[in-house]
Amino acid sequence: MTTTLPRLEELLDRDLDYICGNLRDEIGGLAGKNLLITGGAGFLGYYLVLTALHWNKTADAAARIQVTVYDNFARGTPAWLTALQTNPALHLRRHDMIQPLPSDIGDFEYIIHAAGIASPMYYRKYPLQTIDANINGLRNLLDYSVRQAERRRPVDGFLFYSSSEIYGDPAPEAIPTPEDYRGNVSCTGPRACYDESKRFGETMCVTFARQYGVPVKIARPFNNYGPGLKITDGRVLPDFARDVLNGRDLVMYSDGAPTRTFCYSADAITGYYKVLLTGRPGESYNIGTERPEISIAELAEKVIAGARELFDYRGRLVRRASAEADYLVDNPNRRCPAIDKARRHLGYNPSIPLDEGLRRSLIWYHYHREAEEA
């Protein structure tokens, strides 16, 4: 028997109230400021944008955050952004971050660089575009920050999205993985375009922080999931959700043995805003959760159990070989962050259990069964 599902608006309001509640001591720093989010039409941009606009609902007019989104909108403008186009605090601009910044970019006190290709299926397909977004796009924004300081219109905060992939396949003694682990990464494999460009991006951030005082901080996401991650993305949970909602068996293209921790997007976005607003310039922070660390096969069984409760799903888990030759090459065996540093420096404390996060994700996918290819 299926469960009565909450309305989409109820789900989103619950998450956004949670995020803003956990940022009550920090988000006021954005009051009345201009915030640029590159790649704002993507997965991470979804709750980054919605959080700022949600906070605006209870802010005085002069204190509202002005949010500008730069995105190439290569797959069209997502429906959720289209629905917000009349919001006076949101400004959308078509711009590919591989290209030089617009000459009329204006002044931004805060920058979040989230533009890029993060799905393994797609960055293996578009390696040069992946490198360019992570390196050239970032360099343009760092140079902009230096110019702003010279003009006495300094950037107050800058967040670069790196990745847990910069650690590669950590040695067993480096699990959970702390920020000072230097990595076990291939510089020539099929994932290298993403892993190595993120690593070099971090090098640029640290260099600009030291040499020019740019207040740039680095976030290393660990397996984020939840609302905003399109069903066509190609990562494991959207693929499972697509199978569920089409009434098919859940297909797993591996033996399911690699283990991961999974951080729900409301907890992750809370962490990213904390890094932006209170993180230390030139430093990196793992953002994720350290438990439970479970296998992909165990994750699949959790999805099946949740879908059975929500949708009376009757499918089962099946294993098949991927048609993509490089599908499992350089795939880490374990991925689990140490988040002690984020707890100490930022007060970061993710608290949404995996089963509850999966439930909310499946409900969100119920309302977003169709999407452009990621």
Protein backbone atom coordinates (compact mmCIF):
# COMPACT_ATOMS: atom_id res chain seq x y z
CA MET A 1 0.00 0.00 0.00
CA THR A 2 1.44 3.36 -1.00
CA THR A 3 1.96 6.26 1.41
CA THR A 4 0.27 9.64 0.94
CA LEU A 5 3.07 11.85 -0.36
CA PRO A 6 3.62 15.40 0.88
CA ARG A 7 3.31 18.19 -1.66
CA LEU A 8 6.57 19.26 -3.26
CA GLU A 9 6.28 22.70 -1.64
CA GLU A 10 6.05 21.10 1.81
CA LEU A 11 9.21 19.08 1.20
CA LEU A 12 11.16 22.10 -0.04
CA ASP A 13 9.97 24.39 2.77
CA ARG A 14 10.97 21.78 5.34
CA ASP A 15 14.48 21.52 3.92
CA LEU A 16 14.91 25.28 3.48
CA ASP A 17 13.69 26.00 7.02
CA TYR A 18 16.23 23.45 8.23
CA ILE A 19 19.07 25.05 6.27
CA CYS A 20 18.26 28.61 7.32
CA GLY A 21 17.76 27.50 10.93
CA ASN A 22 21.22 25.94 10.98
CA LEU A 23 22.68 29.12 9.45
CA ARG A 24 21.01 31.62 11.78
CA ASP A 25 24.39 32.80 13.07
CA GLU A 26 25.99 33.08 9.62
CA ILE A 27 23.54 33.91 6.85
CA GLY A 28 22.97 37.44 8.08
CA GLY A 29 26.45 38.19 6.74
CA LEU A 30 24.92 38.10 3.27
CA ALA A 31 22.25 40.67 4.15
CA GLY A 32 22.05 43.41 1.54
CA LYS A 33 24.95 41.90 -0.40
CA ASN A 34 25.37 40.73 -4.00
CA LEU A 35 25.97 36.99 -4.35
CA LEU A 36 27.19 35.41 -7.59
CA ILE A 37 26.55 31.68 -8.06
CA THR A 38 28.18 30.19 -11.15
CA GLY A 39 26.56 27.00 -12.37
CA GLY A 40 23.50 28.07 -10.43
CA ALA A 41 21.14 26.08 -12.64
CA GLY A 42 22.74 22.79 -11.58
CA PHE A 43 22.41 20.38 -8.66
CA LEU A 44 24.32 22.40 -6.09
CA GLY A 45 22.85 25.66 -7.38
CA TYR A 46 19.32 24.42 -6.69
CA TYR A 47 19.39 24.72 -2.90
CA LEU A 48 22.06 27.45 -2.91
CA VAL A 49 19.66 29.74 -4.80
CA LEU A 50 16.50 28.61 -3.01
CA THR A 51 18.12 29.07 0.42
CA ALA A 52 19.02 32.71 -0.22
CA LEU A 53 15.57 33.50 -1.61
CA HIS A 54 13.90 31.65 1.27
CA TRP A 55 15.84 33.75 3.78
CA ASN A 56 14.75 36.86 1.90
CA LYS A 57 11.09 36.10 2.67
CA THR A 58 11.52 37.26 6.26
CA ALA A 59 14.18 39.92 5.67
CA ASP A 60 13.63 43.65 5.38
CA ALA A 61 13.77 44.94 1.81
CA ALA A 62 17.20 46.55 2.28
CA ALA A 63 18.61 43.35 3.81
CA ARG A 64 17.59 40.97 1.05
CA ILE A 65 20.32 39.02 -0.69
CA GLN A 66 20.65 39.83 -4.39
CA VAL A 67 21.40 36.54 -6.16
CA THR A 68 22.93 36.46 -9.64
CA VAL A 69 23.20 33.15 -11.49
CA TYR A 70 25.71 32.60 -14.26
CA ASP A 71 25.09 29.46 -16.28
CA ASN A 72 25.43 28.49 -19.92
CA PHE A 73 21.91 26.95 -19.79
CA ALA A 74 23.12 24.49 -22.40
CA ARG A 75 20.13 22.26 -21.68
CA GLY A 76 17.64 25.08 -21.29
CA THR A 77 16.56 26.96 -18.18
CA PRO A 78 15.30 24.51 -15.54
CA ALA A 79 11.63 24.82 -14.67
CA TRP A 80 12.38 25.78 -11.06
CA LEU A 81 14.45 28.78 -12.23
CA THR A 82 11.86 29.77 -14.79
CA ALA A 83 9.27 29.83 -12.00
CA LEU A 84 11.48 32.29 -10.07
CA GLN A 85 12.22 34.70 -12.93
CA THR A 86 9.86 37.35 -11.56
CA ASN A 87 11.60 37.39 -8.17
CA PRO A 88 13.24 40.84 -7.98
CA ALA A 89 16.18 39.47 -5.96
CA LEU A 90 17.15 36.89 -8.61
CA HIS A 91 19.11 37.81 -11.73
CA LEU A 92 19.81 35.22 -14.42
CA ARG A 93 22.53 35.60 -17.01
CA ARG A 94 23.57 33.23 -19.75
CA HIS A 95 27.34 32.89 -19.54
CA ASP A 96 29.71 30.01 -20.13
CA MET A 97 32.40 30.09 -17.45
CA ILE A 98 34.94 28.71 -19.91
CA GLN A 99 34.83 32.14 -21.57
CA PRO A 100 36.23 35.42 -20.14
CA LEU A 101 33.96 37.15 -17.67
CA PRO A 102 31.54 39.74 -19.07
CA SER A 103 32.99 43.27 -19.20
CA ASP A 104 29.94 44.55 -17.29
CA ILE A 105 30.08 41.94 -14.54
CA GLY A 106 29.43 44.47 -11.78
CA ASP A 107 30.35 44.20 -8.09
CA PHE A 108 29.88 41.06 -6.01
CA GLU A 109 30.74 40.77 -2.34
CA TYR A 110 30.33 36.99 -2.37
CA ILE A 111 31.09 34.39 -5.04
CA ILE A 112 30.30 30.68 -5.19
CA HIS A 113 32.01 28.89 -8.09
CA ALA A 114 29.88 25.79 -8.66
CA ALA A 115 30.04 25.68 -12.47
CA GLY A 116 31.43 22.48 -13.90
CA ILE A 117 30.74 18.91 -14.92
CA ALA A 118 30.57 16.62 -11.87
CA SER A 119 28.95 13.42 -13.13
CA PRO A 120 31.57 10.78 -14.05
CA MET A 121 29.50 9.69 -17.04
CA TYR A 122 29.65 13.22 -18.47
CA TYR A 123 33.14 14.37 -17.51
CA ARG A 124 34.57 11.27 -19.15
CA LYS A 125 32.62 12.28 -22.24
CA TYR A 126 33.65 15.97 -22.12
CA PRO A 127 37.14 15.99 -20.54
CA LEU A 128 38.42 19.26 -22.00
CA GLN A 129 35.29 21.21 -21.07
CA THR A 130 35.62 19.77 -17.56
CA ILE A 131 39.22 20.96 -17.28
CA ASP A 132 38.42 24.41 -18.66
CA ALA A 133 35.54 25.07 -16.24
CA ASN A 134 37.57 23.97 -13.23
CA ILE A 135 40.74 25.87 -14.16
CA ASN A 136 40.03 28.74 -16.56
CA GLY A 137 36.66 29.63 -15.04
CA LEU A 138 38.16 29.65 -11.57
CA ARG A 139 41.19 31.70 -12.64
CA ASN A 140 38.93 34.34 -14.17
CA LEU A 141 37.04 34.71 -10.90
CA LEU A 142 40.20 34.84 -8.80
CA ASP A 143 41.64 37.55 -11.07
CA TYR A 144 38.32 39.43 -10.76
CA SER A 145 38.65 39.26 -6.97
CA VAL A 146 42.14 40.80 -7.13
CA ARG A 147 40.86 43.64 -9.35
CA GLN A 148 37.97 44.27 -6.98
CA ALA A 149 40.38 44.67 -4.08
CA GLU A 150 42.44 47.12 -6.13
CA ARG A 151 39.24 49.11 -6.81
CA ARG A 152 38.45 49.09 -3.08
CA ARG A 153 35.34 47.01 -3.75
CA PRO A 154 36.70 43.81 -2.22
CA VAL A 155 35.11 40.39 -2.38
CA ASP A 156 34.25 39.41 1.20
CA GLY A 157 33.88 35.68 0.60
CA PHE A 158 34.63 33.21 -2.20
CA LEU A 159 33.80 29.50 -2.26
CA PHE A 160 35.41 27.04 -4.66
CA TYR A 161 33.77 23.66 -5.06
CA SER A 162 36.49 21.07 -5.18
CA SER A 163 35.69 17.36 -4.73
CA SER A 164 36.36 14.31 -2.61
CA GLU A 165 37.76 12.91 -5.85
CA ILE A 166 40.98 14.86 -5.17
CA TYR A 167 41.85 12.10 -2.66
CA GLY A 168 41.60 9.40 -5.35
CA ASP A 169 41.47 5.90 -3.83
CA PRO A 170 42.67 6.48 -0.25
CA ALA A 171 44.85 3.98 1.56
CA PRO A 172 42.94 1.99 4.25
CA GLU A 173 44.69 3.86 7.06
CA ALA A 174 43.40 7.16 5.57
CA ILE A 175 39.73 6.23 6.07
CA PRO A 176 37.95 8.35 7.30
CA THR A 177 39.93 10.74 5.11
CA PRO A 178 41.15 14.01 6.66
CA GLU A 179 41.88 17.20 4.74
CA ASP A 180 45.66 16.77 5.10
CA TYR A 181 45.68 13.45 3.22
CA ARG A 182 47.57 14.13 -0.01
CA GLY A 183 45.77 11.65 -2.20
CA ASN A 184 46.30 8.53 -4.29
CA VAL A 185 45.27 9.82 -7.69
CA SER A 186 45.97 8.84 -11.28
CA CYS A 187 46.93 11.83 -13.44
CA THR A 188 46.30 9.95 -16.72
CA GLY A 189 43.22 7.79 -16.12
CA PRO A 190 39.65 8.40 -17.35
CA ARG A 191 38.78 10.39 -14.20
CA ALA A 192 41.93 12.52 -14.32
CA CYS A 193 40.32 15.42 -16.21
CA TYR A 194 38.08 15.99 -13.19
CA ASP A 195 40.33 14.90 -10.32
CA GLU A 196 43.47 16.72 -11.44
CA SER A 197 41.70 19.93 -12.49
CA LYS A 198 40.07 20.09 -9.07
CA ARG A 199 43.46 19.52 -7.43
CA PHE A 200 45.05 22.29 -9.49
CA GLY A 201 42.06 24.50 -8.75
CA GLU A 202 42.84 24.12 -5.07
CA THR A 203 46.48 25.06 -5.77
CA MET A 204 45.30 28.28 -7.43
CA CYS A 205 43.00 29.08 -4.51
CA VAL A 206 45.74 28.64 -1.93
CA THR A 207 48.16 30.70 -4.04
CA PHE A 208 45.73 33.61 -4.50
CA ALA A 209 44.87 33.54 -0.79
CA ARG A 210 48.54 33.73 0.18
CA GLN A 211 49.77 36.15 -2.47
CA TYR A 212 46.80 38.50 -2.84
CA GLY A 213 44.71 37.93 0.26
CA VAL A 214 41.70 36.68 -1.72
CA PRO A 215 39.25 35.28 0.87
CA VAL A 216 38.76 32.04 -1.05
CA LYS A 217 37.77 28.87 0.78
CA ILE A 218 37.57 25.31 -0.54
CA ALA A 219 34.79 22.77 -0.04
CA ARG A 220 35.32 19.08 -0.77
CA PRO A 221 31.90 17.45 -1.24
CA PHE A 222 31.46 13.80 -0.33
CA ASN A 223 28.67 12.07 -2.25
CA ASN A 224 25.91 14.63 -1.95
CA TYR A 225 22.43 13.61 -3.06
CA GLY A 226 18.89 14.89 -2.88
CA PRO A 227 16.65 17.54 -4.47
CA GLY A 228 18.20 19.21 -7.49
CA LEU A 229 20.21 16.19 -8.66
CA LYS A 230 18.51 15.52 -11.98
CA ILE A 231 17.15 12.07 -12.69
CA THR A 232 19.27 12.04 -15.87
CA ASP A 233 22.52 12.85 -14.06
CA GLY A 234 24.03 9.38 -14.40
CA ARG A 235 25.09 8.99 -10.78
CA VAL A 236 23.91 6.05 -8.73
CA LEU A 237 20.91 7.47 -6.88
CA PRO A 238 19.27 9.21 -9.86
CA ASP A 239 19.73 5.99 -11.85
CA PHE A 240 18.08 3.97 -9.09
CA ALA A 241 15.24 6.51 -8.85
CA ARG A 242 14.63 6.34 -12.61
CA ASP A 243 14.34 2.55 -12.41
CA VAL A 244 11.96 2.78 -9.47
CA LEU A 245 9.65 5.34 -11.03
CA ASN A 246 9.51 3.40 -14.30
CA GLY A 247 8.58 0.21 -12.47
CA ARG A 248 11.77 -1.57 -13.54
CA ASP A 249 14.21 -3.69 -11.57
CA LEU A 250 17.03 -1.71 -9.99
CA VAL A 251 20.11 -2.15 -12.20
CA MET A 252 23.60 -2.02 -10.67
CA TYR A 253 26.56 -1.95 -13.06
CA SER A 254 29.12 -3.34 -10.60
CA ASP A 255 29.38 -5.93 -7.85
CA GLY A 256 28.17 -3.28 -5.41
CA ALA A 257 31.12 -3.75 -3.06
CA PRO A 258 32.62 -0.19 -3.00
CA THR A 259 31.51 1.77 0.05
CA ARG A 260 30.45 5.39 0.42
CA THR A 261 28.85 7.77 2.86
CA PHE A 262 25.96 9.84 1.51
CA CYS A 263 25.12 13.38 2.60
CA TYR A 264 21.64 14.77 1.98
CA SER A 265 21.62 18.09 0.13
CA ALA A 266 20.07 20.11 2.98
CA ASP A 267 22.97 19.14 5.24
CA ALA A 268 25.50 19.70 2.45
CA ILE A 269 24.23 23.18 1.54
CA THR A 270 24.30 24.15 5.21
CA GLY A 271 27.97 23.18 5.20
CA TYR A 272 28.79 25.10 2.03
CA TYR A 273 27.31 28.34 3.29
CA LYS A 274 29.24 27.87 6.53
CA VAL A 275 32.47 27.44 4.56
CA LEU A 276 31.72 30.57 2.51
CA LEU A 277 30.86 32.75 5.48
CA THR A 278 33.10 31.50 8.31
CA GLY A 279 35.75 29.27 6.74
CA ARG A 280 39.41 30.28 6.81
CA PRO A 281 40.84 31.68 3.55
CA GLY A 282 43.08 29.27 1.67
CA GLU A 283 41.83 26.27 3.64
CA SER A 284 39.81 23.24 2.59
CA TYR A 285 36.89 21.57 4.36
CA ASN A 286 35.36 18.15 3.87
CA ILE A 287 31.58 18.49 3.63
CA GLY A 288 29.67 15.26 4.00
CA THR A 289 28.91 12.77 6.73
CA GLU A 290 31.13 10.08 8.18
CA ARG A 291 28.40 7.53 8.86
CA PRO A 292 26.98 5.21 7.85
CA GLU A 293 29.59 3.99 5.37
CA ILE A 294 27.68 1.45 3.29
CA SER A 295 28.20 -0.50 0.09
CA ILE A 296 26.44 0.42 -3.13
CA ALA A 297 24.57 -2.89 -2.87
CA GLU A 298 23.33 -1.93 0.60
CA LEU A 299 22.30 1.47 -0.73
CA ALA A 300 20.29 -0.22 -3.48
CA GLU A 301 18.45 -2.33 -0.90
CA LYS A 302 17.63 0.80 1.11
CA VAL A 303 16.23 2.46 -2.02
CA ILE A 304 14.11 -0.63 -2.74
CA ALA A 305 12.77 -0.65 0.83
CA GLY A 306 11.93 3.06 0.71
CA ALA A 307 10.29 2.77 -2.71
CA ARG A 308 8.23 -0.19 -1.54
CA GLU A 309 6.85 1.90 1.32
CA LEU A 310 6.24 5.03 -0.77
CA PHE A 311 5.10 3.61 -4.10
CA ASP A 312 4.36 -0.09 -3.49
CA TYR A 313 7.41 -0.81 -5.67
CA ARG A 314 7.83 -4.48 -6.60
CA GLY A 315 11.20 -4.48 -8.33
CA ARG A 316 14.38 -6.23 -7.26
CA LEU A 317 18.10 -5.62 -7.56
CA VAL A 318 19.85 -7.01 -10.64
CA ARG A 319 23.49 -6.78 -11.72
CA ARG A 320 24.69 -6.10 -15.25
CA ALA A 321 27.95 -5.15 -16.90
CA SER A 322 28.20 -1.54 -18.07
CA ALA A 323 28.52 -0.88 -21.80
CA GLU A 324 31.05 1.86 -20.97
CA ALA A 325 34.58 0.39 -20.98
CA ASP A 326 35.93 2.89 -18.40
CA TYR A 327 32.94 2.72 -16.08
CA LEU A 328 34.86 1.31 -13.09
CA VAL A 329 38.42 2.40 -13.92
CA ASP A 330 40.00 4.30 -10.98
CA ASN A 331 36.73 4.05 -9.05
CA PRO A 332 37.65 4.43 -5.32
CA ASN A 333 36.95 1.39 -3.17
CA ARG A 334 36.00 3.50 -0.17
CA ARG A 335 34.99 7.10 0.32
CA CYS A 336 34.34 8.41 3.81
CA PRO A 337 35.29 11.88 5.14
CA ALA A 338 36.70 12.97 8.43
CA ILE A 339 34.65 16.09 9.25
CA ASP A 340 36.29 17.02 12.56
CA LYS A 341 37.77 20.18 11.04
CA ALA A 342 34.40 21.40 9.75
CA ARG A 343 32.88 20.69 13.15
CA ARG A 344 35.58 22.66 14.97
CA HIS A 345 35.94 25.62 12.61
CA LEU A 346 32.38 25.95 11.33
CA GLY A 347 30.02 24.27 13.77
CA TYR A 348 29.01 21.90 10.97
CA ASN A 349 26.86 19.04 12.22
CA PRO A 350 24.93 17.06 9.56
CA SER A 351 21.95 15.33 11.17
CA ILE A 352 19.51 14.04 8.52
CA PRO A 353 19.63 10.22 8.62
CA LEU A 354 20.27 8.35 5.37
CA ASP A 355 16.90 6.57 5.35
CA GLU A 356 15.07 9.88 5.78
CA GLY A 357 17.20 11.59 3.12
CA LEU A 358 16.51 8.77 0.67
CA ARG A 359 12.80 9.03 1.42
CA ARG A 360 12.77 12.78 0.70
CA SER A 361 14.84 12.22 -2.45
CA LEU A 362 12.44 9.62 -3.82
CA ILE A 363 9.51 11.97 -3.15
CA TRP A 364 11.34 14.77 -4.99
CA TYR A 365 12.03 12.45 -7.94
CA HIS A 366 8.34 11.50 -7.97
CA TYR A 367 7.66 15.15 -8.86
CA HIS A 368 10.63 15.36 -11.25
CA ARG A 369 10.40 12.18 -13.31
CA GLU A 370 11.49 13.92 -16.51
CA ALA A 371 14.56 16.10 -17.09
CA GLU A 372 16.85 17.15 -19.90
CA GLU A 373 19.93 15.00 -20.24
CA ALA A 374 22.42 16.14 -17.61
